[in-house]
Amino acid sequence: MQTITICGSMRFEKEMQRIAFELEVKHRFNVLQCVYGLKKSELTPADLDILEEAHLKRIDLSDAIYVVDIGGHIGSMTREEIKYAKENGKEIIFHSEYAL
């Protein structure tokens, strides 16, 4: 069972939850995700730094990242996560190219 981390804009929070379920149940991936139900404005800069560090650790633990690029949208933070994953030899799977 391959372990993947979901990366994408939190504007797709609900979609990422559904996608994670489908990836686990239908495709037998072990999915690491970070959907907290919080608005970015509710978080301090220190909170954001900690969450970013934790997310990169999830990528380190994963075989691949799964990029939720609905409508072609990839935000600046997700671009950084893709770059980090590539630099660390992780497979990059784009939602727009993966048949769910």
N, C-alpha and C. Protein backbone atom coordinates (compact mmCIF):
# COMPACT_ATOMS: atom_id res chain seq x y z
N MET A 1 0.86 -1.18 0.00
CA MET A 1 0.00 0.00 0.00
C MET A 1 0.89 1.24 0.00
N GLN A 2 0.74 2.06 -1.01
CA GLN A 2 1.54 3.27 -1.14
C GLN A 2 1.00 4.37 -0.22
N THR A 3 1.90 5.12 0.42
CA THR A 3 1.52 6.24 1.28
C THR A 3 1.68 7.53 0.49
N ILE A 4 0.63 8.35 0.51
CA ILE A 4 0.66 9.63 -0.20
C ILE A 4 0.20 10.75 0.72
N THR A 5 0.67 11.95 0.43
CA THR A 5 0.23 13.16 1.12
C THR A 5 -0.57 13.99 0.14
N ILE A 6 -1.73 14.43 0.58
CA ILE A 6 -2.56 15.31 -0.26
C ILE A 6 -2.07 16.74 -0.11
N CYS A 7 -1.87 17.40 -1.25
CA CYS A 7 -1.45 18.80 -1.29
C CYS A 7 -2.47 19.57 -2.14
N GLY A 8 -2.82 20.75 -1.68
CA GLY A 8 -3.75 21.57 -2.45
C GLY A 8 -4.25 22.73 -1.63
N SER A 9 -4.90 23.63 -2.30
CA SER A 9 -5.45 24.81 -1.66
C SER A 9 -6.56 24.42 -0.68
N MET A 10 -6.58 25.07 0.47
CA MET A 10 -7.62 24.80 1.46
C MET A 10 -8.99 25.26 0.97
N ARG A 11 -9.04 25.98 -0.15
CA ARG A 11 -10.35 26.30 -0.74
C ARG A 11 -11.03 25.02 -1.21
N PHE A 12 -10.24 23.95 -1.37
CA PHE A 12 -10.77 22.65 -1.78
C PHE A 12 -10.87 21.68 -0.61
N GLU A 13 -11.03 22.20 0.59
CA GLU A 13 -11.05 21.37 1.80
C GLU A 13 -12.06 20.23 1.72
N LYS A 14 -13.27 20.52 1.38
CA LYS A 14 -14.32 19.48 1.30
C LYS A 14 -13.99 18.46 0.22
N GLU A 15 -13.51 18.96 -0.93
CA GLU A 15 -13.15 18.06 -2.02
C GLU A 15 -11.99 17.15 -1.61
N MET A 16 -11.01 17.70 -0.87
CA MET A 16 -9.86 16.91 -0.45
C MET A 16 -10.28 15.80 0.51
N GLN A 17 -11.27 16.06 1.35
CA GLN A 17 -11.77 15.02 2.26
C GLN A 17 -12.39 13.88 1.45
N ARG A 18 -13.19 14.21 0.46
CA ARG A 18 -13.83 13.20 -0.39
C ARG A 18 -12.79 12.44 -1.20
N ILE A 19 -11.83 13.17 -1.74
CA ILE A 19 -10.78 12.56 -2.54
C ILE A 19 -9.96 11.60 -1.68
N ALA A 20 -9.62 12.00 -0.46
CA ALA A 20 -8.85 11.13 0.44
C ALA A 20 -9.60 9.83 0.70
N PHE A 21 -10.89 9.93 0.95
CA PHE A 21 -11.71 8.74 1.17
C PHE A 21 -11.66 7.82 -0.05
N GLU A 22 -11.86 8.38 -1.23
CA GLU A 22 -11.86 7.58 -2.45
C GLU A 22 -10.49 6.96 -2.71
N LEU A 23 -9.42 7.70 -2.44
CA LEU A 23 -8.09 7.15 -2.65
C LEU A 23 -7.82 5.97 -1.71
N GLU A 24 -8.32 6.07 -0.50
CA GLU A 24 -8.11 4.98 0.45
C GLU A 24 -9.00 3.77 0.14
N VAL A 25 -10.26 4.01 -0.08
CA VAL A 25 -11.21 2.90 -0.25
C VAL A 25 -11.13 2.27 -1.63
N LYS A 26 -11.09 3.09 -2.66
CA LYS A 26 -11.14 2.56 -4.02
C LYS A 26 -9.77 2.21 -4.59
N HIS A 27 -8.73 2.91 -4.14
CA HIS A 27 -7.41 2.74 -4.74
C HIS A 27 -6.35 2.23 -3.76
N ARG A 28 -6.76 2.02 -2.51
CA ARG A 28 -5.90 1.41 -1.49
C ARG A 28 -4.62 2.18 -1.20
N PHE A 29 -4.69 3.51 -1.24
CA PHE A 29 -3.60 4.35 -0.80
C PHE A 29 -3.74 4.58 0.70
N ASN A 30 -2.62 4.76 1.38
CA ASN A 30 -2.61 5.24 2.76
C ASN A 30 -2.43 6.75 2.64
N VAL A 31 -3.46 7.53 2.99
CA VAL A 31 -3.47 8.96 2.73
C VAL A 31 -3.16 9.76 4.00
N LEU A 32 -2.17 10.64 3.88
CA LEU A 32 -1.86 11.61 4.93
C LEU A 32 -2.42 12.95 4.46
N GLN A 33 -3.25 13.55 5.28
CA GLN A 33 -3.85 14.82 4.89
C GLN A 33 -3.87 15.79 6.06
N CYS A 34 -4.11 17.05 5.76
CA CYS A 34 -4.15 18.07 6.81
C CYS A 34 -5.32 19.01 6.57
N VAL A 35 -6.49 18.56 6.89
CA VAL A 35 -7.68 19.39 6.76
C VAL A 35 -8.20 19.63 8.17
N TYR A 36 -8.14 20.90 8.60
CA TYR A 36 -8.46 21.23 9.98
C TYR A 36 -9.78 21.98 10.15
N GLY A 37 -10.36 22.46 9.08
CA GLY A 37 -11.61 23.20 9.20
C GLY A 37 -11.42 24.59 9.79
N LEU A 38 -10.21 25.14 9.68
CA LEU A 38 -9.93 26.46 10.20
C LEU A 38 -9.64 27.43 9.06
N LYS A 39 -9.95 28.69 9.29
CA LYS A 39 -9.61 29.71 8.32
C LYS A 39 -8.19 30.19 8.60
N LYS A 40 -7.46 30.49 7.54
CA LYS A 40 -6.08 30.95 7.69
C LYS A 40 -6.01 32.18 8.60
N SER A 41 -7.04 33.02 8.55
CA SER A 41 -7.06 34.23 9.37
C SER A 41 -7.15 33.92 10.87
N GLU A 42 -7.54 32.68 11.22
CA GLU A 42 -7.63 32.28 12.62
C GLU A 42 -6.30 31.80 13.18
N LEU A 43 -5.29 31.68 12.32
CA LEU A 43 -4.01 31.12 12.72
C LEU A 43 -2.95 32.21 12.85
N THR A 44 -2.06 32.01 13.80
CA THR A 44 -0.94 32.94 13.98
C THR A 44 0.18 32.56 13.01
N PRO A 45 1.12 33.47 12.78
CA PRO A 45 2.27 33.11 11.96
C PRO A 45 3.03 31.89 12.52
N ALA A 46 3.12 31.79 13.84
CA ALA A 46 3.78 30.64 14.46
C ALA A 46 3.01 29.35 14.15
N ASP A 47 1.67 29.42 14.23
CA ASP A 47 0.84 28.26 13.88
C ASP A 47 1.12 27.82 12.45
N LEU A 48 1.16 28.78 11.54
CA LEU A 48 1.37 28.47 10.12
C LEU A 48 2.74 27.84 9.89
N ASP A 49 3.77 28.33 10.59
CA ASP A 49 5.11 27.75 10.46
C ASP A 49 5.12 26.30 10.93
N ILE A 50 4.47 26.04 12.06
CA ILE A 50 4.41 24.68 12.60
C ILE A 50 3.66 23.75 11.64
N LEU A 51 2.54 24.22 11.10
CA LEU A 51 1.76 23.41 10.17
C LEU A 51 2.54 23.13 8.89
N GLU A 52 3.29 24.12 8.41
CA GLU A 52 4.10 23.94 7.21
C GLU A 52 5.19 22.88 7.47
N GLU A 53 5.84 22.97 8.61
CA GLU A 53 6.87 21.99 8.96
C GLU A 53 6.28 20.58 9.05
N ALA A 54 5.11 20.47 9.67
CA ALA A 54 4.44 19.17 9.79
C ALA A 54 4.06 18.62 8.42
N HIS A 55 3.62 19.50 7.53
CA HIS A 55 3.23 19.05 6.19
C HIS A 55 4.44 18.53 5.42
N LEU A 56 5.57 19.21 5.53
CA LEU A 56 6.78 18.75 4.86
C LEU A 56 7.22 17.41 5.43
N LYS A 57 7.04 17.21 6.73
CA LYS A 57 7.36 15.91 7.35
C LYS A 57 6.47 14.82 6.77
N ARG A 58 5.18 15.13 6.56
CA ARG A 58 4.27 14.16 5.93
C ARG A 58 4.78 13.78 4.54
N ILE A 59 5.25 14.77 3.80
CA ILE A 59 5.80 14.50 2.47
C ILE A 59 7.02 13.59 2.60
N ASP A 60 7.88 13.86 3.58
CA ASP A 60 9.05 13.01 3.81
C ASP A 60 8.65 11.55 4.05
N LEU A 61 7.56 11.35 4.76
CA LEU A 61 7.10 10.01 5.11
C LEU A 61 6.37 9.30 3.97
N SER A 62 6.04 10.05 2.93
CA SER A 62 5.22 9.53 1.83
C SER A 62 6.05 9.01 0.67
N ASP A 63 5.42 8.15 -0.11
CA ASP A 63 6.01 7.69 -1.36
C ASP A 63 5.75 8.70 -2.48
N ALA A 64 4.66 9.46 -2.34
CA ALA A 64 4.22 10.39 -3.38
C ALA A 64 3.37 11.49 -2.77
N ILE A 65 3.16 12.55 -3.55
CA ILE A 65 2.15 13.54 -3.17
C ILE A 65 1.04 13.49 -4.21
N TYR A 66 -0.17 13.81 -3.76
CA TYR A 66 -1.34 13.84 -4.62
C TYR A 66 -1.81 15.30 -4.65
N VAL A 67 -1.64 15.95 -5.79
CA VAL A 67 -1.93 17.37 -5.93
C VAL A 67 -3.38 17.56 -6.38
N VAL A 68 -4.17 18.19 -5.53
CA VAL A 68 -5.56 18.50 -5.86
C VAL A 68 -5.54 19.82 -6.63
N ASP A 69 -5.64 19.72 -7.94
CA ASP A 69 -5.54 20.87 -8.84
C ASP A 69 -6.85 21.11 -9.58
N ILE A 70 -7.91 21.22 -8.82
CA ILE A 70 -9.25 21.40 -9.40
C ILE A 70 -9.29 22.67 -10.23
N GLY A 71 -9.80 22.55 -11.44
CA GLY A 71 -9.87 23.70 -12.34
C GLY A 71 -8.51 24.24 -12.72
N GLY A 72 -7.46 23.42 -12.55
CA GLY A 72 -6.11 23.84 -12.88
C GLY A 72 -5.45 24.71 -11.82
N HIS A 73 -6.14 24.92 -10.69
CA HIS A 73 -5.60 25.81 -9.66
C HIS A 73 -4.52 25.11 -8.84
N ILE A 74 -3.32 25.72 -8.84
CA ILE A 74 -2.23 25.30 -7.96
C ILE A 74 -1.68 26.58 -7.34
N GLY A 75 -1.88 26.74 -6.04
CA GLY A 75 -1.43 27.94 -5.35
C GLY A 75 0.07 27.94 -5.09
N SER A 76 0.56 29.06 -4.59
CA SER A 76 2.01 29.22 -4.38
C SER A 76 2.56 28.23 -3.36
N MET A 77 1.82 27.96 -2.29
CA MET A 77 2.29 27.01 -1.29
C MET A 77 2.32 25.60 -1.86
N THR A 78 1.32 25.24 -2.63
CA THR A 78 1.30 23.92 -3.26
C THR A 78 2.45 23.79 -4.25
N ARG A 79 2.77 24.86 -4.96
CA ARG A 79 3.92 24.83 -5.87
C ARG A 79 5.21 24.55 -5.09
N GLU A 80 5.33 25.15 -3.91
CA GLU A 80 6.50 24.90 -3.07
C GLU A 80 6.54 23.45 -2.60
N GLU A 81 5.38 22.89 -2.28
CA GLU A 81 5.31 21.49 -1.86
C GLU A 81 5.69 20.55 -3.00
N ILE A 82 5.26 20.88 -4.22
CA ILE A 82 5.63 20.08 -5.39
C ILE A 82 7.15 20.14 -5.58
N LYS A 83 7.72 21.32 -5.48
CA LYS A 83 9.17 21.49 -5.62
C LYS A 83 9.90 20.66 -4.56
N TYR A 84 9.44 20.74 -3.32
CA TYR A 84 10.05 19.99 -2.22
C TYR A 84 9.96 18.49 -2.48
N ALA A 85 8.81 18.04 -2.91
CA ALA A 85 8.62 16.61 -3.20
C ALA A 85 9.55 16.15 -4.32
N LYS A 86 9.66 16.94 -5.38
CA LYS A 86 10.55 16.58 -6.49
C LYS A 86 11.99 16.51 -6.02
N GLU A 87 12.41 17.50 -5.23
CA GLU A 87 13.78 17.53 -4.72
C GLU A 87 14.09 16.32 -3.84
N ASN A 88 13.06 15.73 -3.28
CA ASN A 88 13.24 14.59 -2.38
C ASN A 88 12.83 13.27 -3.02
N GLY A 89 12.72 13.28 -4.34
CA GLY A 89 12.49 12.04 -5.09
C GLY A 89 11.12 11.43 -4.94
N LYS A 90 10.12 12.24 -4.63
CA LYS A 90 8.76 11.73 -4.47
C LYS A 90 8.01 11.78 -5.80
N GLU A 91 7.16 10.80 -6.01
CA GLU A 91 6.28 10.81 -7.18
C GLU A 91 5.25 11.92 -7.02
N ILE A 92 4.90 12.57 -8.11
CA ILE A 92 3.89 13.63 -8.11
C ILE A 92 2.70 13.12 -8.91
N ILE A 93 1.52 13.05 -8.26
CA ILE A 93 0.29 12.60 -8.90
C ILE A 93 -0.67 13.80 -8.92
N PHE A 94 -1.13 14.18 -10.10
CA PHE A 94 -2.07 15.29 -10.21
C PHE A 94 -3.49 14.76 -10.32
N HIS A 95 -4.38 15.33 -9.52
CA HIS A 95 -5.79 14.93 -9.52
C HIS A 95 -6.37 15.02 -10.93
N SER A 96 -6.01 16.06 -11.66
CA SER A 96 -6.55 16.25 -13.01
C SER A 96 -6.13 15.16 -13.98
N GLU A 97 -5.09 14.39 -13.64
CA GLU A 97 -4.60 13.34 -14.52
C GLU A 97 -4.89 11.94 -13.98
N TYR A 98 -5.50 11.86 -12.79
CA TYR A 98 -5.71 10.57 -12.14
C TYR A 98 -7.19 10.22 -12.21
N ALA A 99 -7.52 9.06 -12.67
CA ALA A 99 -8.93 8.66 -12.82
C ALA A 99 -9.48 8.15 -11.49
N LEU A 100 -10.32 8.96 -10.86
CA LEU A 100 -10.98 8.52 -9.62
C LEU A 100 -12.33 7.94 -9.96
